[in-house]
Amino acid sequence: MKDNSVTMICPHCGAEIKPDATFCRHCGSDKNTGWKDGAEFADEELPDYEEILENEFGDDPNSPYAKKKSGFGGIVGTVAAIIVALAFIAAMVL
């Protein structure tokens, strides 16, 4: 049975890792390549999460992602009500 109370320190980020670990779970450095530097994303532009949330879930009717309301359901309902009323009147007359 292994003793897991002993830990190593990652030479790159300083996180505690298991002594038999082959890589650091925190920064990605690994033993096989000499505990290389982690990947750098300095040139990457981060998305604006506030804008994404507002577009997806906001109530702004001018949003390109806002659900467009059409009057099709109201028109169909009105026509159906007229047909039912006319059928009822025709049944009363006959």
N, C-alpha and C. Protein backbone atom coordinates (compact mmCIF):
# COMPACT_ATOMS: atom_id res chain seq x y z
N MET A 1 0.84 -1.18 0.00
CA MET A 1 0.00 0.00 0.00
C MET A 1 0.88 1.23 0.00
N LYS A 2 0.60 2.19 -0.87
CA LYS A 2 1.41 3.40 -1.00
C LYS A 2 1.01 4.41 0.06
N ASP A 3 1.99 5.20 0.48
CA ASP A 3 1.73 6.28 1.43
C ASP A 3 1.49 7.56 0.63
N ASN A 4 0.25 8.05 0.62
CA ASN A 4 -0.11 9.24 -0.15
C ASN A 4 0.09 10.53 0.63
N SER A 5 0.65 10.44 1.85
CA SER A 5 0.82 11.65 2.65
C SER A 5 2.00 12.48 2.16
N VAL A 6 2.93 11.89 1.40
CA VAL A 6 4.08 12.61 0.88
C VAL A 6 3.69 13.23 -0.46
N THR A 7 3.99 14.50 -0.62
CA THR A 7 3.67 15.17 -1.88
C THR A 7 4.89 15.88 -2.43
N MET A 8 4.86 16.16 -3.72
CA MET A 8 5.88 16.95 -4.39
C MET A 8 5.31 18.33 -4.67
N ILE A 9 6.17 19.24 -4.99
CA ILE A 9 5.74 20.57 -5.39
C ILE A 9 6.08 20.73 -6.87
N CYS A 10 5.12 21.17 -7.66
CA CYS A 10 5.35 21.41 -9.09
C CYS A 10 6.37 22.55 -9.23
N PRO A 11 7.46 22.31 -9.98
CA PRO A 11 8.46 23.37 -10.14
C PRO A 11 7.96 24.55 -10.98
N HIS A 12 6.87 24.35 -11.69
CA HIS A 12 6.37 25.43 -12.53
C HIS A 12 5.38 26.33 -11.79
N CYS A 13 4.35 25.73 -11.16
CA CYS A 13 3.29 26.54 -10.55
C CYS A 13 3.26 26.48 -9.03
N GLY A 14 4.00 25.53 -8.44
CA GLY A 14 4.04 25.43 -6.99
C GLY A 14 2.91 24.62 -6.37
N ALA A 15 2.08 24.00 -7.17
CA ALA A 15 0.97 23.20 -6.65
C ALA A 15 1.49 21.88 -6.09
N GLU A 16 0.79 21.36 -5.09
CA GLU A 16 1.15 20.05 -4.55
C GLU A 16 0.69 18.96 -5.51
N ILE A 17 1.58 18.02 -5.78
CA ILE A 17 1.24 16.89 -6.65
C ILE A 17 1.74 15.61 -6.00
N LYS A 18 1.21 14.49 -6.42
CA LYS A 18 1.62 13.20 -5.88
C LYS A 18 3.06 12.92 -6.31
N PRO A 19 3.81 12.17 -5.50
CA PRO A 19 5.22 11.91 -5.86
C PRO A 19 5.37 11.08 -7.13
N ASP A 20 4.40 10.26 -7.46
CA ASP A 20 4.49 9.44 -8.67
C ASP A 20 3.77 10.06 -9.86
N ALA A 21 3.38 11.33 -9.74
CA ALA A 21 2.65 12.00 -10.82
C ALA A 21 3.57 12.21 -12.02
N THR A 22 3.00 12.08 -13.21
CA THR A 22 3.77 12.33 -14.42
C THR A 22 3.49 13.71 -14.99
N PHE A 23 2.47 14.38 -14.47
CA PHE A 23 2.18 15.75 -14.89
C PHE A 23 1.44 16.47 -13.78
N CYS A 24 1.43 17.79 -13.86
CA CYS A 24 0.72 18.61 -12.87
C CYS A 24 -0.69 18.86 -13.37
N ARG A 25 -1.69 18.55 -12.55
CA ARG A 25 -3.09 18.74 -12.94
C ARG A 25 -3.47 20.21 -12.99
N HIS A 26 -2.67 21.07 -12.36
CA HIS A 26 -3.01 22.48 -12.29
C HIS A 26 -2.49 23.27 -13.50
N CYS A 27 -1.23 23.01 -13.90
CA CYS A 27 -0.66 23.83 -14.98
C CYS A 27 -0.32 23.03 -16.23
N GLY A 28 -0.31 21.69 -16.15
CA GLY A 28 -0.04 20.88 -17.32
C GLY A 28 1.42 20.54 -17.53
N SER A 29 2.32 21.07 -16.71
CA SER A 29 3.74 20.72 -16.83
C SER A 29 3.88 19.23 -16.59
N ASP A 30 4.89 18.61 -17.24
CA ASP A 30 5.04 17.17 -17.04
C ASP A 30 6.49 16.76 -16.86
N LYS A 31 6.64 15.57 -16.30
CA LYS A 31 7.94 15.02 -15.94
C LYS A 31 8.74 14.62 -17.18
N ASN A 32 8.10 14.10 -18.19
CA ASN A 32 8.80 13.58 -19.36
C ASN A 32 9.49 14.66 -20.18
N THR A 33 8.98 15.84 -20.19
CA THR A 33 9.58 16.92 -21.00
C THR A 33 10.28 17.95 -20.13
N GLY A 34 10.61 17.59 -18.91
CA GLY A 34 11.38 18.48 -18.06
C GLY A 34 10.54 19.56 -17.40
N TRP A 35 9.31 19.27 -17.07
CA TRP A 35 8.43 20.23 -16.40
C TRP A 35 8.40 21.54 -17.18
N LYS A 36 8.03 21.41 -18.43
CA LYS A 36 7.99 22.57 -19.33
C LYS A 36 6.98 23.61 -18.88
N ASP A 37 7.11 24.81 -19.45
CA ASP A 37 6.16 25.87 -19.15
C ASP A 37 4.79 25.49 -19.67
N GLY A 38 3.78 25.97 -19.01
CA GLY A 38 2.40 25.72 -19.44
C GLY A 38 2.09 26.46 -20.72
N ALA A 39 1.02 26.09 -21.33
CA ALA A 39 0.60 26.76 -22.56
C ALA A 39 0.25 28.21 -22.26
N GLU A 40 0.60 29.09 -23.15
CA GLU A 40 0.33 30.51 -22.97
C GLU A 40 -0.79 30.93 -23.91
N PHE A 41 -1.73 31.66 -23.39
CA PHE A 41 -2.85 32.15 -24.18
C PHE A 41 -2.92 33.67 -24.13
N ALA A 42 -1.78 34.32 -24.03
CA ALA A 42 -1.75 35.77 -23.89
C ALA A 42 -2.31 36.47 -25.13
N ASP A 43 -2.15 35.85 -26.30
CA ASP A 43 -2.62 36.49 -27.53
C ASP A 43 -4.09 36.23 -27.81
N GLU A 44 -4.70 35.34 -27.05
CA GLU A 44 -6.10 35.01 -27.27
C GLU A 44 -7.00 36.09 -26.67
N GLU A 45 -7.99 36.50 -27.42
CA GLU A 45 -8.97 37.46 -26.90
C GLU A 45 -10.11 36.69 -26.25
N LEU A 46 -10.39 37.00 -25.00
CA LEU A 46 -11.45 36.31 -24.28
C LEU A 46 -12.81 36.84 -24.70
N PRO A 47 -13.80 35.97 -24.79
CA PRO A 47 -15.15 36.43 -25.17
C PRO A 47 -15.77 37.26 -24.06
N ASP A 48 -16.67 38.13 -24.43
CA ASP A 48 -17.39 38.96 -23.48
C ASP A 48 -18.60 38.18 -23.00
N TYR A 49 -18.46 37.52 -21.84
CA TYR A 49 -19.52 36.64 -21.35
C TYR A 49 -20.78 37.41 -20.98
N GLU A 50 -20.63 38.64 -20.52
CA GLU A 50 -21.81 39.44 -20.19
C GLU A 50 -22.65 39.68 -21.44
N GLU A 51 -21.99 39.96 -22.54
CA GLU A 51 -22.71 40.19 -23.80
C GLU A 51 -23.40 38.91 -24.28
N ILE A 52 -22.70 37.79 -24.13
CA ILE A 52 -23.28 36.50 -24.54
C ILE A 52 -24.53 36.20 -23.71
N LEU A 53 -24.43 36.39 -22.39
CA LEU A 53 -25.59 36.12 -21.53
C LEU A 53 -26.75 37.04 -21.87
N GLU A 54 -26.45 38.31 -22.13
CA GLU A 54 -27.52 39.25 -22.47
C GLU A 54 -28.17 38.87 -23.79
N ASN A 55 -27.36 38.45 -24.76
CA ASN A 55 -27.91 38.06 -26.06
C ASN A 55 -28.75 36.80 -25.96
N GLU A 56 -28.31 35.86 -25.14
CA GLU A 56 -29.03 34.59 -25.04
C GLU A 56 -30.26 34.66 -24.14
N PHE A 57 -30.15 35.40 -23.04
CA PHE A 57 -31.21 35.35 -22.04
C PHE A 57 -31.84 36.71 -21.75
N GLY A 58 -31.35 37.75 -22.37
CA GLY A 58 -31.85 39.09 -22.08
C GLY A 58 -33.23 39.33 -22.65
N ASP A 59 -33.86 40.41 -22.17
CA ASP A 59 -35.20 40.76 -22.62
C ASP A 59 -35.17 41.87 -23.66
N ASP A 60 -34.00 42.17 -24.19
CA ASP A 60 -33.87 43.24 -25.17
C ASP A 60 -34.54 42.82 -26.48
N PRO A 61 -35.64 43.46 -26.88
CA PRO A 61 -36.32 43.06 -28.12
C PRO A 61 -35.50 43.37 -29.37
N ASN A 62 -34.50 44.24 -29.27
CA ASN A 62 -33.67 44.58 -30.42
C ASN A 62 -32.48 43.65 -30.57
N SER A 63 -32.34 42.69 -29.67
CA SER A 63 -31.23 41.75 -29.72
C SER A 63 -31.38 40.88 -30.97
N PRO A 64 -30.26 40.59 -31.64
CA PRO A 64 -30.35 39.71 -32.81
C PRO A 64 -30.79 38.30 -32.44
N TYR A 65 -30.70 37.94 -31.16
CA TYR A 65 -31.09 36.61 -30.72
C TYR A 65 -32.47 36.59 -30.06
N ALA A 66 -33.11 37.74 -30.00
CA ALA A 66 -34.43 37.81 -29.37
C ALA A 66 -35.43 37.04 -30.23
N LYS A 67 -36.36 36.38 -29.56
CA LYS A 67 -37.38 35.61 -30.27
C LYS A 67 -38.34 36.58 -30.95
N LYS A 68 -38.49 36.40 -32.23
CA LYS A 68 -39.39 37.26 -33.00
C LYS A 68 -40.80 36.73 -32.86
N LYS A 69 -41.71 37.61 -32.51
CA LYS A 69 -43.11 37.22 -32.37
C LYS A 69 -43.83 37.46 -33.70
N SER A 70 -44.57 36.48 -34.11
CA SER A 70 -45.36 36.65 -35.32
C SER A 70 -46.83 36.58 -34.94
N GLY A 71 -47.67 37.18 -35.75
CA GLY A 71 -49.10 37.20 -35.48
C GLY A 71 -49.81 36.00 -36.06
N PHE A 72 -49.06 35.01 -36.52
CA PHE A 72 -49.65 33.85 -37.19
C PHE A 72 -50.59 33.08 -36.26
N GLY A 73 -50.20 32.89 -35.00
CA GLY A 73 -51.04 32.15 -34.06
C GLY A 73 -52.35 32.87 -33.78
N GLY A 74 -52.28 34.19 -33.68
CA GLY A 74 -53.49 34.98 -33.44
C GLY A 74 -54.44 34.94 -34.62
N ILE A 75 -53.88 34.97 -35.82
CA ILE A 75 -54.70 34.93 -37.04
C ILE A 75 -55.39 33.57 -37.15
N VAL A 76 -54.65 32.50 -36.93
CA VAL A 76 -55.23 31.15 -37.02
C VAL A 76 -56.32 30.98 -35.97
N GLY A 77 -56.10 31.47 -34.76
CA GLY A 77 -57.10 31.38 -33.70
C GLY A 77 -58.37 32.14 -34.04
N THR A 78 -58.22 33.33 -34.62
CA THR A 78 -59.39 34.13 -34.99
C THR A 78 -60.19 33.45 -36.09
N VAL A 79 -59.51 32.94 -37.10
CA VAL A 79 -60.19 32.25 -38.21
C VAL A 79 -60.90 31.01 -37.68
N ALA A 80 -60.27 30.27 -36.78
CA ALA A 80 -60.90 29.07 -36.22
C ALA A 80 -62.14 29.44 -35.42
N ALA A 81 -62.08 30.53 -34.66
CA ALA A 81 -63.24 30.97 -33.88
C ALA A 81 -64.39 31.37 -34.79
N ILE A 82 -64.10 32.04 -35.89
CA ILE A 82 -65.14 32.45 -36.85
C ILE A 82 -65.79 31.22 -37.47
N ILE A 83 -64.98 30.22 -37.84
CA ILE A 83 -65.52 29.00 -38.45
C ILE A 83 -66.42 28.27 -37.45
N VAL A 84 -66.01 28.18 -36.21
CA VAL A 84 -66.83 27.51 -35.19
C VAL A 84 -68.13 28.27 -34.98
N ALA A 85 -68.06 29.60 -34.94
CA ALA A 85 -69.28 30.41 -34.75
C ALA A 85 -70.23 30.23 -35.93
N LEU A 86 -69.71 30.23 -37.15
CA LEU A 86 -70.56 30.04 -38.33
C LEU A 86 -71.18 28.64 -38.34
N ALA A 87 -70.41 27.63 -37.94
CA ALA A 87 -70.95 26.27 -37.88
C ALA A 87 -72.05 26.18 -36.83
N PHE A 88 -71.89 26.86 -35.71
CA PHE A 88 -72.90 26.86 -34.66
C PHE A 88 -74.18 27.54 -35.14
N ILE A 89 -74.02 28.68 -35.83
CA ILE A 89 -75.18 29.40 -36.37
C ILE A 89 -75.89 28.55 -37.42
N ALA A 90 -75.13 27.90 -38.29
CA ALA A 90 -75.72 27.05 -39.33
C ALA A 90 -76.48 25.88 -38.71
N ALA A 91 -75.96 25.33 -37.63
CA ALA A 91 -76.63 24.21 -36.96
C ALA A 91 -77.93 24.67 -36.30
N MET A 92 -77.98 25.91 -35.83
CA MET A 92 -79.18 26.44 -35.19
C MET A 92 -80.27 26.70 -36.24
N VAL A 93 -79.89 27.10 -37.42
CA VAL A 93 -80.84 27.44 -38.47
C VAL A 93 -81.46 26.17 -39.04
N LEU A 94 -80.71 25.12 -39.17
CA LEU A 94 -81.23 23.90 -39.79
C LEU A 94 -82.06 23.15 -38.87
